[in-house]
Amino acid sequence: MNLFTERLNELIINSGKQQNDICKELGIYKQKFSRWKTGFTEPGFDDLIMLAKYFKVSTDYLLGLED
């Protein structure tokens, strides 16, 4: 598991929200989000920014460049 995947999963847990709710709020398909969550794929630039804004963290944090 890469650092992005670990941090995304941590943010999901800390949000207290279900994956389905997050997907609805972000307007993305559950399958796309699930692939990020499992590390099968990684988000592109626009999606990375969207996730950072949603979870109120920096893109550098999501990428593991800062703590």
PDB file of N, CA and C in Angstrom:
ATOM      1  N   MET A   1       0.849  -1.177   0.000  1.00  0.00           N
ATOM      2  CA  MET A   1       0.000   0.000   0.000  1.00  0.00           C
ATOM      3  C   MET A   1       0.897   1.244   0.000  1.00  0.00           C
ATOM      4  N   ASN A   2       0.600   2.176  -0.904  1.00  0.00           N
ATOM      5  CA  ASN A   2       1.425   3.388  -0.966  1.00  0.00           C
ATOM      6  C   ASN A   2       0.917   4.437   0.023  1.00  0.00           C
ATOM      7  N   LEU A   3       1.689   5.470   0.200  1.00  0.00           N
ATOM      8  CA  LEU A   3       1.372   6.497   1.195  1.00  0.00           C
ATOM      9  C   LEU A   3       0.077   7.230   0.858  1.00  0.00           C
ATOM     10  N   PHE A   4      -0.168   7.486  -0.428  1.00  0.00           N
ATOM     11  CA  PHE A   4      -1.425   8.132  -0.817  1.00  0.00           C
ATOM     12  C   PHE A   4      -2.613   7.297  -0.354  1.00  0.00           C
ATOM     13  N   THR A   5      -2.571   6.000  -0.621  1.00  0.00           N
ATOM     14  CA  THR A   5      -3.657   5.102  -0.251  1.00  0.00           C
ATOM     15  C   THR A   5      -3.853   5.068   1.260  1.00  0.00           C
ATOM     16  N   GLU A   6      -2.767   5.002   1.992  1.00  0.00           N
ATOM     17  CA  GLU A   6      -2.851   5.001   3.457  1.00  0.00           C
ATOM     18  C   GLU A   6      -3.508   6.282   3.964  1.00  0.00           C
ATOM     19  N   ARG A   7      -3.080   7.404   3.423  1.00  0.00           N
ATOM     20  CA  ARG A   7      -3.627   8.687   3.887  1.00  0.00           C
ATOM     21  C   ARG A   7      -5.078   8.860   3.486  1.00  0.00           C
ATOM     22  N   LEU A   8      -5.433   8.422   2.287  1.00  0.00           N
ATOM     23  CA  LEU A   8      -6.821   8.518   1.864  1.00  0.00           C
ATOM     24  C   LEU A   8      -7.708   7.683   2.778  1.00  0.00           C
ATOM     25  N   ASN A   9      -7.301   6.475   3.071  1.00  0.00           N
ATOM     26  CA  ASN A   9      -8.084   5.614   3.960  1.00  0.00           C
ATOM     27  C   ASN A   9      -8.197   6.211   5.353  1.00  0.00           C
ATOM     28  N   GLU A  10      -7.135   6.809   5.835  1.00  0.00           N
ATOM     29  CA  GLU A  10      -7.151   7.466   7.148  1.00  0.00           C
ATOM     30  C   GLU A  10      -8.142   8.630   7.157  1.00  0.00           C
ATOM     31  N   LEU A  11      -8.130   9.422   6.096  1.00  0.00           N
ATOM     32  CA  LEU A  11      -9.045  10.557   5.996  1.00  0.00           C
ATOM     33  C   LEU A  11     -10.504  10.096   5.926  1.00  0.00           C
ATOM     34  N   ILE A  12     -10.746   9.012   5.224  1.00  0.00           N
ATOM     35  CA  ILE A  12     -12.105   8.467   5.132  1.00  0.00           C
ATOM     36  C   ILE A  12     -12.584   8.051   6.515  1.00  0.00           C
ATOM     37  N   ILE A  13     -11.757   7.320   7.236  1.00  0.00           N
ATOM     38  CA  ILE A  13     -12.120   6.862   8.578  1.00  0.00           C
ATOM     39  C   ILE A  13     -12.363   8.046   9.503  1.00  0.00           C
ATOM     40  N   ASN A  14     -11.453   9.010   9.476  1.00  0.00           N
ATOM     41  CA  ASN A  14     -11.572  10.179  10.356  1.00  0.00           C
ATOM     42  C   ASN A  14     -12.771  11.064  10.022  1.00  0.00           C
ATOM     43  N   SER A  15     -13.237  10.981   8.780  1.00  0.00           N
ATOM     44  CA  SER A  15     -14.393  11.797   8.397  1.00  0.00           C
ATOM     45  C   SER A  15     -15.683  11.270   9.031  1.00  0.00           C
ATOM     46  N   GLY A  16     -15.691   9.978   9.375  1.00  0.00           N
ATOM     47  CA  GLY A  16     -16.888   9.375   9.952  1.00  0.00           C
ATOM     48  C   GLY A  16     -17.991   9.144   8.933  1.00  0.00           C
ATOM     49  N   LYS A  17     -17.664   9.300   7.663  1.00  0.00           N
ATOM     50  CA  LYS A  17     -18.663   9.142   6.604  1.00  0.00           C
ATOM     51  C   LYS A  17     -18.466   7.813   5.884  1.00  0.00           C
ATOM     52  N   GLN A  18     -19.546   7.342   5.301  1.00  0.00           N
ATOM     53  CA  GLN A  18     -19.495   6.141   4.490  1.00  0.00           C
ATOM     54  C   GLN A  18     -18.957   6.497   3.102  1.00  0.00           C
ATOM     55  N   GLN A  19     -18.316   5.527   2.464  1.00  0.00           N
ATOM     56  CA  GLN A  19     -17.761   5.747   1.134  1.00  0.00           C
ATOM     57  C   GLN A  19     -18.847   6.207   0.155  1.00  0.00           C
ATOM     58  N   ASN A  20     -20.028   5.624   0.232  1.00  0.00           N
ATOM     59  CA  ASN A  20     -21.123   6.011  -0.663  1.00  0.00           C
ATOM     60  C   ASN A  20     -21.474   7.485  -0.504  1.00  0.00           C
ATOM     61  N   ASP A  21     -21.493   7.967   0.725  1.00  0.00           N
ATOM     62  CA  ASP A  21     -21.820   9.372   0.982  1.00  0.00           C
ATOM     63  C   ASP A  21     -20.756  10.300   0.405  1.00  0.00           C
ATOM     64  N   ILE A  22     -19.502   9.926   0.584  1.00  0.00           N
ATOM     65  CA  ILE A  22     -18.402  10.735   0.055  1.00  0.00           C
ATOM     66  C   ILE A  22     -18.500  10.813  -1.466  1.00  0.00           C
ATOM     67  N   CYS A  23     -18.758   9.679  -2.098  1.00  0.00           N
ATOM     68  CA  CYS A  23     -18.874   9.650  -3.562  1.00  0.00           C
ATOM     69  C   CYS A  23     -20.010  10.544  -4.042  1.00  0.00           C
ATOM     70  N   LYS A  24     -21.144  10.495  -3.351  1.00  0.00           N
ATOM     71  CA  LYS A  24     -22.277  11.352  -3.730  1.00  0.00           C
ATOM     72  C   LYS A  24     -21.912  12.824  -3.589  1.00  0.00           C
ATOM     73  N   GLU A  25     -21.248  13.165  -2.487  1.00  0.00           N
ATOM     74  CA  GLU A  25     -20.876  14.563  -2.248  1.00  0.00           C
ATOM     75  C   GLU A  25     -19.848  15.060  -3.268  1.00  0.00           C
ATOM     76  N   LEU A  26     -18.965  14.166  -3.706  1.00  0.00           N
ATOM     77  CA  LEU A  26     -17.941  14.542  -4.681  1.00  0.00           C
ATOM     78  C   LEU A  26     -18.442  14.420  -6.121  1.00  0.00           C
ATOM     79  N   GLY A  27     -19.540  13.693  -6.310  1.00  0.00           N
ATOM     80  CA  GLY A  27     -20.073  13.499  -7.655  1.00  0.00           C
ATOM     81  C   GLY A  27     -19.243  12.549  -8.496  1.00  0.00           C
ATOM     82  N   ILE A  28     -18.707  11.510  -7.847  1.00  0.00           N
ATOM     83  CA  ILE A  28     -17.901  10.527  -8.580  1.00  0.00           C
ATOM     84  C   ILE A  28     -18.479   9.127  -8.377  1.00  0.00           C
ATOM     85  N   TYR A  29     -18.118   8.215  -9.267  1.00  0.00           N
ATOM     86  CA  TYR A  29     -18.579   6.836  -9.177  1.00  0.00           C
ATOM     87  C   TYR A  29     -17.867   6.103  -8.047  1.00  0.00           C
ATOM     88  N   LYS A  30     -18.602   5.207  -7.399  1.00  0.00           N
ATOM     89  CA  LYS A  30     -18.044   4.426  -6.290  1.00  0.00           C
ATOM     90  C   LYS A  30     -16.844   3.603  -6.750  1.00  0.00           C
ATOM     91  N   GLN A  31     -16.907   3.071  -7.966  1.00  0.00           N
ATOM     92  CA  GLN A  31     -15.822   2.239  -8.474  1.00  0.00           C
ATOM     93  C   GLN A  31     -14.516   3.041  -8.603  1.00  0.00           C
ATOM     94  N   LYS A  32     -14.623   4.250  -9.072  1.00  0.00           N
ATOM     95  CA  LYS A  32     -13.446   5.122  -9.209  1.00  0.00           C
ATOM     96  C   LYS A  32     -12.820   5.371  -7.840  1.00  0.00           C
ATOM     97  N   PHE A  33     -13.662   5.724  -6.878  1.00  0.00           N
ATOM     98  CA  PHE A  33     -13.182   6.004  -5.527  1.00  0.00           C
ATOM     99  C   PHE A  33     -12.580   4.751  -4.891  1.00  0.00           C
ATOM    100  N   SER A  34     -13.214   3.628  -5.114  1.00  0.00           N
ATOM    101  CA  SER A  34     -12.734   2.358  -4.564  1.00  0.00           C
ATOM    102  C   SER A  34     -11.355   2.004  -5.107  1.00  0.00           C
ATOM    103  N   ARG A  35     -11.124   2.293  -6.364  1.00  0.00           N
ATOM    104  CA  ARG A  35      -9.802   2.026  -6.966  1.00  0.00           C
ATOM    105  C   ARG A  35      -8.719   2.885  -6.330  1.00  0.00           C
ATOM    106  N   TRP A  36      -9.052   4.123  -5.998  1.00  0.00           N
ATOM    107  CA  TRP A  36      -8.086   4.976  -5.284  1.00  0.00           C
ATOM    108  C   TRP A  36      -7.838   4.420  -3.893  1.00  0.00           C
ATOM    109  N   LYS A  37      -8.929   4.034  -3.235  1.00  0.00           N
ATOM    110  CA  LYS A  37      -8.863   3.557  -1.852  1.00  0.00           C
ATOM    111  C   LYS A  37      -8.027   2.283  -1.720  1.00  0.00           C
ATOM    112  N   THR A  38      -8.079   1.433  -2.724  1.00  0.00           N
ATOM    113  CA  THR A  38      -7.327   0.176  -2.687  1.00  0.00           C
ATOM    114  C   THR A  38      -5.936   0.290  -3.306  1.00  0.00           C
ATOM    115  N   GLY A  39      -5.658   1.423  -3.946  1.00  0.00           N
ATOM    116  CA  GLY A  39      -4.354   1.610  -4.568  1.00  0.00           C
ATOM    117  C   GLY A  39      -4.261   1.040  -5.965  1.00  0.00           C
ATOM    118  N   PHE A  40      -5.382   0.601  -6.526  1.00  0.00           N
ATOM    119  CA  PHE A  40      -5.388   0.052  -7.886  1.00  0.00           C
ATOM    120  C   PHE A  40      -5.046   1.120  -8.908  1.00  0.00           C
ATOM    121  N   THR A  41      -5.581   2.329  -8.675  1.00  0.00           N
ATOM    122  CA  THR A  41      -5.237   3.486  -9.507  1.00  0.00           C
ATOM    123  C   THR A  41      -5.029   4.682  -8.589  1.00  0.00           C
ATOM    124  N   GLU A  42      -4.506   5.754  -9.157  1.00  0.00           N
ATOM    125  CA  GLU A  42      -4.324   6.991  -8.417  1.00  0.00           C
ATOM    126  C   GLU A  42      -5.051   8.111  -9.147  1.00  0.00           C
ATOM    127  N   PRO A  43      -5.499   9.115  -8.421  1.00  0.00           N
ATOM    128  CA  PRO A  43      -6.239  10.204  -9.066  1.00  0.00           C
ATOM    129  C   PRO A  43      -5.338  11.087  -9.911  1.00  0.00           C
ATOM    130  N   GLY A  44      -5.951  11.695 -10.917  1.00  0.00           N
ATOM    131  CA  GLY A  44      -5.254  12.696 -11.718  1.00  0.00           C
ATOM    132  C   GLY A  44      -5.178  14.003 -10.949  1.00  0.00           C
ATOM    133  N   PHE A  45      -4.599  15.018 -11.566  1.00  0.00           N
ATOM    134  CA  PHE A  45      -4.406  16.308 -10.896  1.00  0.00           C
ATOM    135  C   PHE A  45      -5.714  16.913 -10.394  1.00  0.00           C
ATOM    136  N   ASP A  46      -6.711  16.970 -11.257  1.00  0.00           N
ATOM    137  CA  ASP A  46      -7.981  17.592 -10.872  1.00  0.00           C
ATOM    138  C   ASP A  46      -8.646  16.837  -9.729  1.00  0.00           C
ATOM    139  N   ASP A  47      -8.614  15.514  -9.789  1.00  0.00           N
ATOM    140  CA  ASP A  47      -9.214  14.710  -8.723  1.00  0.00           C
ATOM    141  C   ASP A  47      -8.434  14.825  -7.421  1.00  0.00           C
ATOM    142  N   LEU A  48      -7.138  14.933  -7.520  1.00  0.00           N
ATOM    143  CA  LEU A  48      -6.306  15.102  -6.332  1.00  0.00           C
ATOM    144  C   LEU A  48      -6.646  16.416  -5.622  1.00  0.00           C
ATOM    145  N   ILE A  49      -6.804  17.467  -6.397  1.00  0.00           N
ATOM    146  CA  ILE A  49      -7.186  18.762  -5.840  1.00  0.00           C
ATOM    147  C   ILE A  49      -8.565  18.679  -5.206  1.00  0.00           C
ATOM    148  N   MET A  50      -9.498  18.001  -5.878  1.00  0.00           N
ATOM    149  CA  MET A  50     -10.846  17.833  -5.348  1.00  0.00           C
ATOM    150  C   MET A  50     -10.816  17.113  -3.997  1.00  0.00           C
ATOM    151  N   LEU A  51     -10.029  16.041  -3.893  1.00  0.00           N
ATOM    152  CA  LEU A  51      -9.918  15.295  -2.639  1.00  0.00           C
ATOM    153  C   LEU A  51      -9.306  16.152  -1.540  1.00  0.00           C
ATOM    154  N   ALA A  52      -8.278  16.902  -1.880  1.00  0.00           N
ATOM    155  CA  ALA A  52      -7.624  17.763  -0.890  1.00  0.00           C
ATOM    156  C   ALA A  52      -8.599  18.808  -0.351  1.00  0.00           C
ATOM    157  N   LYS A  53      -9.375  19.411  -1.230  1.00  0.00           N
ATOM    158  CA  LYS A  53     -10.359  20.403  -0.791  1.00  0.00           C
ATOM    159  C   LYS A  53     -11.443  19.750   0.061  1.00  0.00           C
ATOM    160  N   TYR A  54     -11.901  18.585  -0.356  1.00  0.00           N
ATOM    161  CA  TYR A  54     -12.974  17.903   0.366  1.00  0.00           C
ATOM    162  C   TYR A  54     -12.554  17.549   1.787  1.00  0.00           C
ATOM    163  N   PHE A  55     -11.343  16.985   1.917  1.00  0.00           N
ATOM    164  CA  PHE A  55     -10.863  16.556   3.232  1.00  0.00           C
ATOM    165  C   PHE A  55     -10.117  17.666   3.977  1.00  0.00           C
ATOM    166  N   LYS A  56     -10.007  18.843   3.350  1.00  0.00           N
ATOM    167  CA  LYS A  56      -9.352  20.013   3.957  1.00  0.00           C
ATOM    168  C   LYS A  56      -7.904  19.720   4.355  1.00  0.00           C
ATOM    169  N   VAL A  57      -7.184  19.138   3.396  1.00  0.00           N
ATOM    170  CA  VAL A  57      -5.752  18.885   3.553  1.00  0.00           C
ATOM    171  C   VAL A  57      -5.060  19.383   2.290  1.00  0.00           C
ATOM    172  N   SER A  58      -3.747  19.432   2.317  1.00  0.00           N
ATOM    173  CA  SER A  58      -3.013  19.859   1.124  1.00  0.00           C
ATOM    174  C   SER A  58      -2.790  18.666   0.191  1.00  0.00           C
ATOM    175  N   THR A  59      -2.549  18.978  -1.062  1.00  0.00           N
ATOM    176  CA  THR A  59      -2.206  17.920  -2.005  1.00  0.00           C
ATOM    177  C   THR A  59      -0.861  17.291  -1.604  1.00  0.00           C
ATOM    178  N   ASP A  60       0.034  18.094  -1.060  1.00  0.00           N
ATOM    179  CA  ASP A  60       1.319  17.562  -0.599  1.00  0.00           C
ATOM    180  C   ASP A  60       1.116  16.527   0.504  1.00  0.00           C
ATOM    181  N   TYR A  61       0.154  16.777   1.380  1.00  0.00           N
ATOM    182  CA  TYR A  61      -0.137  15.801   2.433  1.00  0.00           C
ATOM    183  C   TYR A  61      -0.633  14.490   1.811  1.00  0.00           C
ATOM    184  N   LEU A  62      -1.576  14.594   0.884  1.00  0.00           N
ATOM    185  CA  LEU A  62      -2.104  13.386   0.237  1.00  0.00           C
ATOM    186  C   LEU A  62      -1.017  12.597  -0.478  1.00  0.00           C
ATOM    187  N   LEU A  63      -0.076  13.305  -1.068  1.00  0.00           N
ATOM    188  CA  LEU A  63       1.014  12.652  -1.802  1.00  0.00           C
ATOM    189  C   LEU A  63       2.146  12.172  -0.909  1.00  0.00           C
ATOM    190  N   GLY A  64       2.084  12.511   0.360  1.00  0.00           N
ATOM    191  CA  GLY A  64       3.126  12.082   1.284  1.00  0.00           C
ATOM    192  C   GLY A  64       4.350  12.956   1.301  1.00  0.00           C
ATOM    193  N   LEU A  65       4.217  14.176   0.793  1.00  0.00           N
ATOM    194  CA  LEU A  65       5.350  15.091   0.743  1.00  0.00           C
ATOM    195  C   LEU A  65       5.473  15.922   2.017  1.00  0.00           C
ATOM    196  N   GLU A  66       4.398  15.967   2.812  1.00  0.00           N
ATOM    197  CA  GLU A  66       4.435  16.662   4.098  1.00  0.00           C
ATOM    198  C   GLU A  66       3.521  15.946   5.078  1.00  0.00           C
ATOM    199  N   ASP A  67       3.740  16.221   6.354  1.00  0.00           N
ATOM    200  CA  ASP A  67       2.917  15.578   7.394  1.00  0.00           C
ATOM    201  C   ASP A  67       1.832  16.457   7.903  1.00  0.00           C
TER     202      ASP A  67
END
